[in-house]
All heavy atoms as atom14 arrays in JSON, in Angstrom:
{
  "sequence": "PGVRIDELNDVFKLLLAGPTAEERADGLATLVHTQEKNFS",
  "atom14_mask": [
    [1, 1, 1, 1, 1, 1, 1, 0, 0, 0, 0, 0, 0, 0],
    [1, 1, 1, 1, 0, 0, 0, 0, 0, 0, 0, 0, 0, 0],
    [1, 1, 1, 1, 1, 1, 1, 0, 0, 0, 0, 0, 0, 0],
    [1, 1, 1, 1, 1, 1, 1, 1, 1, 1, 1, 0, 0, 0],
    [1, 1, 1, 1, 1, 1, 1, 1, 0, 0, 0, 0, 0, 0],
    [1, 1, 1, 1, 1, 1, 1, 1, 0, 0, 0, 0, 0, 0],
    [1, 1, 1, 1, 1, 1, 1, 1, 1, 0, 0, 0, 0, 0],
    [1, 1, 1, 1, 1, 1, 1, 1, 0, 0, 0, 0, 0, 0],
    [1, 1, 1, 1, 1, 1, 1, 1, 0, 0, 0, 0, 0, 0],
    [1, 1, 1, 1, 1, 1, 1, 1, 0, 0, 0, 0, 0, 0],
    [1, 1, 1, 1, 1, 1, 1, 0, 0, 0, 0, 0, 0, 0],
    [1, 1, 1, 1, 1, 1, 1, 1, 1, 1, 1, 0, 0, 0],
    [1, 1, 1, 1, 1, 1, 1, 1, 1, 0, 0, 0, 0, 0],
    [1, 1, 1, 1, 1, 1, 1, 1, 0, 0, 0, 0, 0, 0],
    [1, 1, 1, 1, 1, 1, 1, 1, 0, 0, 0, 0, 0, 0],
    [1, 1, 1, 1, 1, 1, 1, 1, 0, 0, 0, 0, 0, 0],
    [1, 1, 1, 1, 1, 0, 0, 0, 0, 0, 0, 0, 0, 0],
    [1, 1, 1, 1, 0, 0, 0, 0, 0, 0, 0, 0, 0, 0],
    [1, 1, 1, 1, 1, 1, 1, 0, 0, 0, 0, 0, 0, 0],
    [1, 1, 1, 1, 1, 1, 1, 0, 0, 0, 0, 0, 0, 0],
    [1, 1, 1, 1, 1, 0, 0, 0, 0, 0, 0, 0, 0, 0],
    [1, 1, 1, 1, 1, 1, 1, 1, 1, 0, 0, 0, 0, 0],
    [1, 1, 1, 1, 1, 1, 1, 1, 1, 0, 0, 0, 0, 0],
    [1, 1, 1, 1, 1, 1, 1, 1, 1, 1, 1, 0, 0, 0],
    [1, 1, 1, 1, 1, 0, 0, 0, 0, 0, 0, 0, 0, 0],
    [1, 1, 1, 1, 1, 1, 1, 1, 0, 0, 0, 0, 0, 0],
    [1, 1, 1, 1, 0, 0, 0, 0, 0, 0, 0, 0, 0, 0],
    [1, 1, 1, 1, 1, 1, 1, 1, 0, 0, 0, 0, 0, 0],
    [1, 1, 1, 1, 1, 0, 0, 0, 0, 0, 0, 0, 0, 0],
    [1, 1, 1, 1, 1, 1, 1, 0, 0, 0, 0, 0, 0, 0],
    [1, 1, 1, 1, 1, 1, 1, 1, 0, 0, 0, 0, 0, 0],
    [1, 1, 1, 1, 1, 1, 1, 0, 0, 0, 0, 0, 0, 0],
    [1, 1, 1, 1, 1, 1, 1, 1, 1, 1, 0, 0, 0, 0],
    [1, 1, 1, 1, 1, 1, 1, 0, 0, 0, 0, 0, 0, 0],
    [1, 1, 1, 1, 1, 1, 1, 1, 1, 0, 0, 0, 0, 0],
    [1, 1, 1, 1, 1, 1, 1, 1, 1, 0, 0, 0, 0, 0],
    [1, 1, 1, 1, 1, 1, 1, 1, 1, 0, 0, 0, 0, 0],
    [1, 1, 1, 1, 1, 1, 1, 1, 0, 0, 0, 0, 0, 0],
    [1, 1, 1, 1, 1, 1, 1, 1, 1, 1, 1, 0, 0, 0],
    [1, 1, 1, 1, 1, 1, 0, 0, 0, 0, 0, 0, 0, 0]
  ],
  "atom14_positions": [
    [[-181.03, -164.18, -7.64], [-181.01, -163.73, -6.25], [-182.11, -162.7, -6.01], [-182.38, -161.85, -6.84], [-179.62, -163.12, -6.08], [-179.09, -162.9, -7.45], [-179.85, -163.8, -8.38], [0.0, 0.0, 0.0], [0.0, 0.0, 0.0], [0.0, 0.0, 0.0], [0.0, 0.0, 0.0], [0.0, 0.0, 0.0], [0.0, 0.0, 0.0], [0.0, 0.0, 0.0]],
    [[-182.72, -162.83, -4.89], [-183.77, -161.87, -4.53], [-185.13, -162.19, -5.12], [-186.12, -161.59, -4.72], [0.0, 0.0, 0.0], [0.0, 0.0, 0.0], [0.0, 0.0, 0.0], [0.0, 0.0, 0.0], [0.0, 0.0, 0.0], [0.0, 0.0, 0.0], [0.0, 0.0, 0.0], [0.0, 0.0, 0.0], [0.0, 0.0, 0.0], [0.0, 0.0, 0.0]],
    [[-185.2, -163.12, -6.08], [-186.5, -163.49, -6.65], [-187.16, -164.47, -5.71], [-186.58, -165.49, -5.34], [-186.34, -164.1, -8.06], [-187.65, -164.69, -8.54], [-185.84, -163.06, -9.03], [0.0, 0.0, 0.0], [0.0, 0.0, 0.0], [0.0, 0.0, 0.0], [0.0, 0.0, 0.0], [0.0, 0.0, 0.0], [0.0, 0.0, 0.0], [0.0, 0.0, 0.0]],
    [[-188.37, -164.14, -5.33], [-189.12, -165.02, -4.43], [-190.34, -165.53, -5.18], [-191.03, -164.76, -5.85], [-189.55, -164.24, -3.2], [-190.26, -165.12, -2.21], [-190.43, -164.44, -0.88], [-191.13, -165.37, -0.03], [-192.27, -165.11, 0.56], [-192.83, -163.94, 0.42], [-192.87, -166.02, 1.3], [0.0, 0.0, 0.0], [0.0, 0.0, 0.0], [0.0, 0.0, 0.0]],
    [[-190.57, -166.81, -5.06], [-191.77, -167.38, -5.66], [-192.7, -167.82, -4.54], [-192.26, -168.31, -3.51], [-191.44, -168.55, -6.62], [-190.65, -169.63, -5.89], [-190.69, -168.06, -7.84], [-190.52, -170.9, -6.68], [0.0, 0.0, 0.0], [0.0, 0.0, 0.0], [0.0, 0.0, 0.0], [0.0, 0.0, 0.0], [0.0, 0.0, 0.0], [0.0, 0.0, 0.0]],
    [[-193.99, -167.59, -4.75], [-194.98, -167.96, -3.75], [-195.75, -169.21, -4.13], [-196.41, -169.81, -3.3], [-195.96, -166.8, -3.53], [-195.26, -165.58, -2.94], [-194.44, -165.76, -2.02], [-195.51, -164.46, -3.42], [0.0, 0.0, 0.0], [0.0, 0.0, 0.0], [0.0, 0.0, 0.0], [0.0, 0.0, 0.0], [0.0, 0.0, 0.0], [0.0, 0.0, 0.0]],
    [[-195.68, -169.56, -5.42], [-196.36, -170.77, -5.91], [-195.65, -171.24, -7.16], [-194.9, -170.5, -7.8], [-197.83, -170.49, -6.19], [-198.06, -169.41, -7.24], [-199.54, -169.15, -7.5], [-200.26, -168.83, -6.55], [-199.93, -169.29, -8.66], [0.0, 0.0, 0.0], [0.0, 0.0, 0.0], [0.0, 0.0, 0.0], [0.0, 0.0, 0.0], [0.0, 0.0, 0.0]],
    [[-195.89, -172.49, -7.52], [-195.23, -173.07, -8.68], [-195.52, -172.3, -9.96], [-194.66, -172.18, -10.84], [-195.64, -174.53, -8.86], [-195.07, -175.52, -7.86], [-195.66, -176.9, -8.1], [-193.56, -175.58, -7.94], [0.0, 0.0, 0.0], [0.0, 0.0, 0.0], [0.0, 0.0, 0.0], [0.0, 0.0, 0.0], [0.0, 0.0, 0.0], [0.0, 0.0, 0.0]],
    [[-196.71, -171.75, -10.1], [-197.07, -171.06, -11.34], [-196.24, -169.8, -11.58], [-196.17, -169.32, -12.72], [-198.56, -170.75, -11.35], [-199.38, -172.01, -11.47], [-198.99, -172.95, -12.15], [-200.51, -172.05, -10.8], [0.0, 0.0, 0.0], [0.0, 0.0, 0.0], [0.0, 0.0, 0.0], [0.0, 0.0, 0.0], [0.0, 0.0, 0.0], [0.0, 0.0, 0.0]],
    [[-195.59, -169.27, -10.56], [-194.71, -168.12, -10.75], [-193.54, -168.44, -11.66], [-192.96, -167.57, -12.3], [-194.17, -167.63, -9.4], [-195.25, -167.05, -8.5], [-196.34, -166.7, -9.0], [-194.99, -166.95, -7.27], [0.0, 0.0, 0.0], [0.0, 0.0, 0.0], [0.0, 0.0, 0.0], [0.0, 0.0, 0.0], [0.0, 0.0, 0.0], [0.0, 0.0, 0.0]],
    [[-193.18, -169.71, -11.73], [-192.04, -170.16, -12.53], [-192.25, -169.86, -14.02], [-191.32, -169.48, -14.72], [-191.79, -171.67, -12.31], [-190.85, -172.24, -13.34], [-191.27, -171.89, -10.91], [0.0, 0.0, 0.0], [0.0, 0.0, 0.0], [0.0, 0.0, 0.0], [0.0, 0.0, 0.0], [0.0, 0.0, 0.0], [0.0, 0.0, 0.0], [0.0, 0.0, 0.0]],
    [[-193.47, -170.0, -14.49], [-193.72, -169.8, -15.92], [-193.42, -168.36, -16.34], [-192.87, -168.13, -17.41], [-195.15, -170.21, -16.28], [-195.43, -171.66, -15.99], [-196.3, -172.03, -14.98], [-194.78, -172.65, -16.7], [-196.53, -173.37, -14.7], [-195.01, -174.0, -16.43], [-195.88, -174.34, -15.42], [0.0, 0.0, 0.0], [0.0, 0.0, 0.0], [0.0, 0.0, 0.0]],
    [[-193.73, -167.4, -15.5], [-193.42, -166.0, -15.81], [-191.92, -165.8, -15.91], [-191.44, -165.08, -16.78], [-194.01, -165.08, -14.73], [-195.51, -165.08, -14.68], [-195.99, -164.26, -13.5], [-197.46, -164.57, -13.23], [-197.86, -164.17, -11.9], [0.0, 0.0, 0.0], [0.0, 0.0, 0.0], [0.0, 0.0, 0.0], [0.0, 0.0, 0.0], [0.0, 0.0, 0.0]],
    [[-191.18, -166.43, -15.0], [-189.72, -166.29, -15.03], [-189.13, -166.91, -16.29], [-188.22, -166.34, -16.9], [-189.12, -166.95, -13.79], [-189.48, -166.3, -12.44], [-188.98, -167.17, -11.29], [-188.91, -164.9, -12.35], [0.0, 0.0, 0.0], [0.0, 0.0, 0.0], [0.0, 0.0, 0.0], [0.0, 0.0, 0.0], [0.0, 0.0, 0.0], [0.0, 0.0, 0.0]],
    [[-189.66, -168.06, -16.69], [-189.16, -168.7, -17.92], [-189.5, -167.86, -19.15], [-188.68, -167.71, -20.06], [-189.74, -170.1, -18.06], [-189.1, -171.17, -17.2], [-189.92, -172.45, -17.22], [-187.68, -171.45, -17.67], [0.0, 0.0, 0.0], [0.0, 0.0, 0.0], [0.0, 0.0, 0.0], [0.0, 0.0, 0.0], [0.0, 0.0, 0.0], [0.0, 0.0, 0.0]],
    [[-190.72, -167.32, -19.18], [-191.13, -166.52, -20.33], [-190.32, -165.23, -20.44], [-190.11, -164.72, -21.53], [-192.63, -166.2, -20.26], [-193.55, -167.39, -20.5], [-194.99, -167.01, -20.23], [-193.39, -167.92, -21.91], [0.0, 0.0, 0.0], [0.0, 0.0, 0.0], [0.0, 0.0, 0.0], [0.0, 0.0, 0.0], [0.0, 0.0, 0.0], [0.0, 0.0, 0.0]],
    [[-189.87, -164.69, -19.31], [-189.06, -163.47, -19.33], [-187.72, -163.73, -20.02], [-187.12, -162.81, -20.59], [-188.83, -162.96, -17.92], [0.0, 0.0, 0.0], [0.0, 0.0, 0.0], [0.0, 0.0, 0.0], [0.0, 0.0, 0.0], [0.0, 0.0, 0.0], [0.0, 0.0, 0.0], [0.0, 0.0, 0.0], [0.0, 0.0, 0.0], [0.0, 0.0, 0.0]],
    [[-187.26, -164.97, -20.0], [-186.04, -165.34, -20.71], [-184.78, -164.9, -20.0], [-184.82, -164.29, -18.94], [0.0, 0.0, 0.0], [0.0, 0.0, 0.0], [0.0, 0.0, 0.0], [0.0, 0.0, 0.0], [0.0, 0.0, 0.0], [0.0, 0.0, 0.0], [0.0, 0.0, 0.0], [0.0, 0.0, 0.0], [0.0, 0.0, 0.0], [0.0, 0.0, 0.0]],
    [[-183.65, -165.23, -20.62], [-182.36, -164.86, -20.03], [-182.08, -163.37, -20.18], [-182.63, -162.7, -21.06], [-181.36, -165.7, -20.84], [-182.05, -166.0, -22.12], [-183.52, -166.02, -21.84], [0.0, 0.0, 0.0], [0.0, 0.0, 0.0], [0.0, 0.0, 0.0], [0.0, 0.0, 0.0], [0.0, 0.0, 0.0], [0.0, 0.0, 0.0], [0.0, 0.0, 0.0]],
    [[-181.21, -162.86, -19.32], [-180.78, -161.48, -19.42], [-179.9, -161.32, -20.67], [-179.46, -162.31, -21.26], [-179.98, -161.06, -18.18], [-178.77, -161.83, -18.15], [-180.78, -161.25, -16.9], [0.0, 0.0, 0.0], [0.0, 0.0, 0.0], [0.0, 0.0, 0.0], [0.0, 0.0, 0.0], [0.0, 0.0, 0.0], [0.0, 0.0, 0.0], [0.0, 0.0, 0.0]],
    [[-179.59, -160.09, -21.02], [-178.72, -159.83, -22.18], [-177.35, -160.5, -21.97], [-176.79, -161.09, -22.9], [-178.56, -158.33, -22.4], [0.0, 0.0, 0.0], [0.0, 0.0, 0.0], [0.0, 0.0, 0.0], [0.0, 0.0, 0.0], [0.0, 0.0, 0.0], [0.0, 0.0, 0.0], [0.0, 0.0, 0.0], [0.0, 0.0, 0.0], [0.0, 0.0, 0.0]],
    [[-176.84, -160.43, -20.76], [-175.55, -161.05, -20.46], [-175.63, -162.57, -20.6], [-174.72, -163.2, -21.14], [-175.11, -160.68, -19.04], [-173.74, -161.19, -18.67], [-173.34, -160.74, -17.27], [-173.35, -159.53, -17.02], [-173.03, -161.63, -16.46], [0.0, 0.0, 0.0], [0.0, 0.0, 0.0], [0.0, 0.0, 0.0], [0.0, 0.0, 0.0], [0.0, 0.0, 0.0]],
    [[-176.72, -163.16, -20.14], [-176.9, -164.61, -20.26], [-177.08, -165.03, -21.72], [-176.55, -166.06, -22.13], [-178.1, -165.05, -19.42], [-177.87, -164.91, -17.92], [-179.13, -164.94, -17.09], [-180.25, -164.87, -17.65], [-179.01, -165.05, -15.86], [0.0, 0.0, 0.0], [0.0, 0.0, 0.0], [0.0, 0.0, 0.0], [0.0, 0.0, 0.0], [0.0, 0.0, 0.0]],
    [[-177.77, -164.21, -22.51], [-177.91, -164.5, -23.95], [-176.54, -164.45, -24.63], [-176.22, -165.29, -25.46], [-178.88, -163.53, -24.61], [-180.33, -163.85, -24.35], [-181.28, -163.05, -25.23], [-181.08, -161.61, -25.18], [-181.63, -160.8, -24.28], [-182.43, -161.28, -23.36], [-181.4, -159.51, -24.31], [0.0, 0.0, 0.0], [0.0, 0.0, 0.0], [0.0, 0.0, 0.0]],
    [[-175.73, -163.46, -24.25], [-174.38, -163.36, -24.81], [-173.52, -164.56, -24.43], [-172.59, -164.92, -25.14], [-173.72, -162.06, -24.34], [0.0, 0.0, 0.0], [0.0, 0.0, 0.0], [0.0, 0.0, 0.0], [0.0, 0.0, 0.0], [0.0, 0.0, 0.0], [0.0, 0.0, 0.0], [0.0, 0.0, 0.0], [0.0, 0.0, 0.0], [0.0, 0.0, 0.0]],
    [[-173.87, -165.2, -23.31], [-173.16, -166.39, -22.84], [-173.73, -167.67, -23.47], [-173.36, -168.77, -23.08], [-173.24, -166.46, -21.31], [-172.19, -167.39, -20.72], [-171.12, -167.58, -21.33], [-172.46, -167.94, -19.64], [0.0, 0.0, 0.0], [0.0, 0.0, 0.0], [0.0, 0.0, 0.0], [0.0, 0.0, 0.0], [0.0, 0.0, 0.0], [0.0, 0.0, 0.0]],
    [[-174.66, -167.53, -24.42], [-175.17, -168.68, -25.16], [-176.44, -169.3, -24.61], [-176.84, -170.37, -25.04], [0.0, 0.0, 0.0], [0.0, 0.0, 0.0], [0.0, 0.0, 0.0], [0.0, 0.0, 0.0], [0.0, 0.0, 0.0], [0.0, 0.0, 0.0], [0.0, 0.0, 0.0], [0.0, 0.0, 0.0], [0.0, 0.0, 0.0], [0.0, 0.0, 0.0]],
    [[-177.11, -168.64, -23.66], [-178.34, -169.18, -23.1], [-179.57, -168.66, -23.84], [-179.57, -167.53, -24.32], [-178.45, -168.83, -21.61], [-177.33, -169.38, -20.73], [-177.54, -168.96, -19.29], [-177.24, -170.88, -20.85], [0.0, 0.0, 0.0], [0.0, 0.0, 0.0], [0.0, 0.0, 0.0], [0.0, 0.0, 0.0], [0.0, 0.0, 0.0], [0.0, 0.0, 0.0]],
    [[-180.59, -169.48, -23.91], [-181.84, -169.1, -24.58], [-182.99, -169.79, -23.88], [-182.81, -170.78, -23.17], [-181.8, -169.52, -26.05], [0.0, 0.0, 0.0], [0.0, 0.0, 0.0], [0.0, 0.0, 0.0], [0.0, 0.0, 0.0], [0.0, 0.0, 0.0], [0.0, 0.0, 0.0], [0.0, 0.0, 0.0], [0.0, 0.0, 0.0], [0.0, 0.0, 0.0]],
    [[-184.18, -169.26, -24.09], [-185.36, -169.95, -23.59], [-186.09, -170.57, -24.77], [-186.2, -169.96, -25.83], [-186.28, -169.04, -22.76], [-187.31, -169.85, -22.2], [-186.9, -167.94, -23.6], [0.0, 0.0, 0.0], [0.0, 0.0, 0.0], [0.0, 0.0, 0.0], [0.0, 0.0, 0.0], [0.0, 0.0, 0.0], [0.0, 0.0, 0.0], [0.0, 0.0, 0.0]],
    [[-186.55, -171.77, -24.59], [-187.33, -172.45, -25.61], [-188.79, -172.56, -25.16], [-189.59, -173.19, -25.83], [-186.74, -173.82, -25.9], [-185.29, -173.78, -26.38], [-184.74, -175.18, -26.56], [-185.18, -172.99, -27.69], [0.0, 0.0, 0.0], [0.0, 0.0, 0.0], [0.0, 0.0, 0.0], [0.0, 0.0, 0.0], [0.0, 0.0, 0.0], [0.0, 0.0, 0.0]],
    [[-189.09, -171.95, -24.03], [-190.46, -171.87, -23.54], [-191.03, -170.58, -24.11], [-190.49, -169.51, -23.9], [-190.48, -171.86, -21.99], [-191.89, -171.71, -21.48], [-189.85, -173.14, -21.47], [0.0, 0.0, 0.0], [0.0, 0.0, 0.0], [0.0, 0.0, 0.0], [0.0, 0.0, 0.0], [0.0, 0.0, 0.0], [0.0, 0.0, 0.0], [0.0, 0.0, 0.0]],
    [[-192.12, -170.71, -24.87], [-192.64, -169.57, -25.62], [-193.96, -169.08, -25.06], [-194.54, -169.67, -24.15], [-192.79, -169.97, -27.09], [-191.49, -170.41, -27.69], [-190.43, -169.56, -27.9], [-191.06, -171.64, -28.07], [-189.41, -170.23, -28.39], [-189.77, -171.5, -28.51], [0.0, 0.0, 0.0], [0.0, 0.0, 0.0], [0.0, 0.0, 0.0], [0.0, 0.0, 0.0]],
    [[-194.46, -168.02, -25.67], [-195.64, -167.34, -25.14], [-196.88, -168.23, -25.11], [-197.76, -168.0, -24.3], [-195.94, -166.07, -25.96], [-196.07, -166.42, -27.33], [-194.86, -165.05, -25.77], [0.0, 0.0, 0.0], [0.0, 0.0, 0.0], [0.0, 0.0, 0.0], [0.0, 0.0, 0.0], [0.0, 0.0, 0.0], [0.0, 0.0, 0.0], [0.0, 0.0, 0.0]],
    [[-196.98, -169.24, -25.95], [-198.15, -170.1, -25.88], [-198.19, -170.87, -24.56], [-199.23, -171.36, -24.16], [-198.25, -171.05, -27.08], [-197.23, -172.15, -27.11], [-196.03, -171.83, -27.99], [-195.72, -170.67, -28.22], [-195.35, -172.85, -28.47], [0.0, 0.0, 0.0], [0.0, 0.0, 0.0], [0.0, 0.0, 0.0], [0.0, 0.0, 0.0], [0.0, 0.0, 0.0]],
    [[-197.05, -170.93, -23.88], [-197.02, -171.63, -22.61], [-197.57, -170.79, -21.46], [-197.58, -171.22, -20.32], [-195.59, -172.09, -22.28], [-195.22, -173.38, -22.99], [-194.44, -173.13, -24.27], [-193.79, -172.09, -24.41], [-194.49, -174.0, -25.15], [0.0, 0.0, 0.0], [0.0, 0.0, 0.0], [0.0, 0.0, 0.0], [0.0, 0.0, 0.0], [0.0, 0.0, 0.0]],
    [[-198.06, -169.59, -21.75], [-198.58, -168.75, -20.67], [-199.82, -169.36, -20.03], [-200.21, -168.95, -18.94], [-198.86, -167.33, -21.16], [-199.97, -167.23, -22.19], [-200.11, -165.82, -22.69], [-201.14, -165.79, -23.81], [-201.16, -164.51, -24.46], [0.0, 0.0, 0.0], [0.0, 0.0, 0.0], [0.0, 0.0, 0.0], [0.0, 0.0, 0.0], [0.0, 0.0, 0.0]],
    [[-200.43, -170.33, -20.67], [-201.59, -171.01, -20.1], [-201.22, -172.25, -19.31], [-202.09, -172.99, -18.88], [-202.59, -171.38, -21.2], [-203.16, -170.15, -21.86], [-203.43, -169.16, -21.21], [-203.34, -170.22, -23.17], [0.0, 0.0, 0.0], [0.0, 0.0, 0.0], [0.0, 0.0, 0.0], [0.0, 0.0, 0.0], [0.0, 0.0, 0.0], [0.0, 0.0, 0.0]],
    [[-199.94, -172.49, -19.12], [-199.5, -173.63, -18.35], [-199.81, -173.4, -16.87], [-199.86, -172.27, -16.39], [-197.99, -173.84, -18.49], [-197.56, -174.43, -19.8], [-198.4, -174.54, -20.88], [-196.26, -174.88, -19.94], [-197.98, -175.1, -22.08], [-195.82, -175.44, -21.13], [-196.69, -175.54, -22.19], [0.0, 0.0, 0.0], [0.0, 0.0, 0.0], [0.0, 0.0, 0.0]],
    [[-199.97, -174.5, -16.15], [-200.12, -174.42, -14.7], [-199.44, -175.65, -14.1], [-199.22, -176.65, -14.79], [-201.59, -174.36, -14.29], [-202.26, -175.55, -14.68], [0.0, 0.0, 0.0], [0.0, 0.0, 0.0], [0.0, 0.0, 0.0], [0.0, 0.0, 0.0], [0.0, 0.0, 0.0], [0.0, 0.0, 0.0], [0.0, 0.0, 0.0], [0.0, 0.0, 0.0]]
  ]
}
């Protein structure tokens, strides 16, 4: 909530930031890694 994206490339930053501590405790993880920072 409250996150606004202005272009599709904003999504990669959100994925790289990963889940919150609460979401990790709920079993969520990101498999998108730092090498993906060059994605567009």
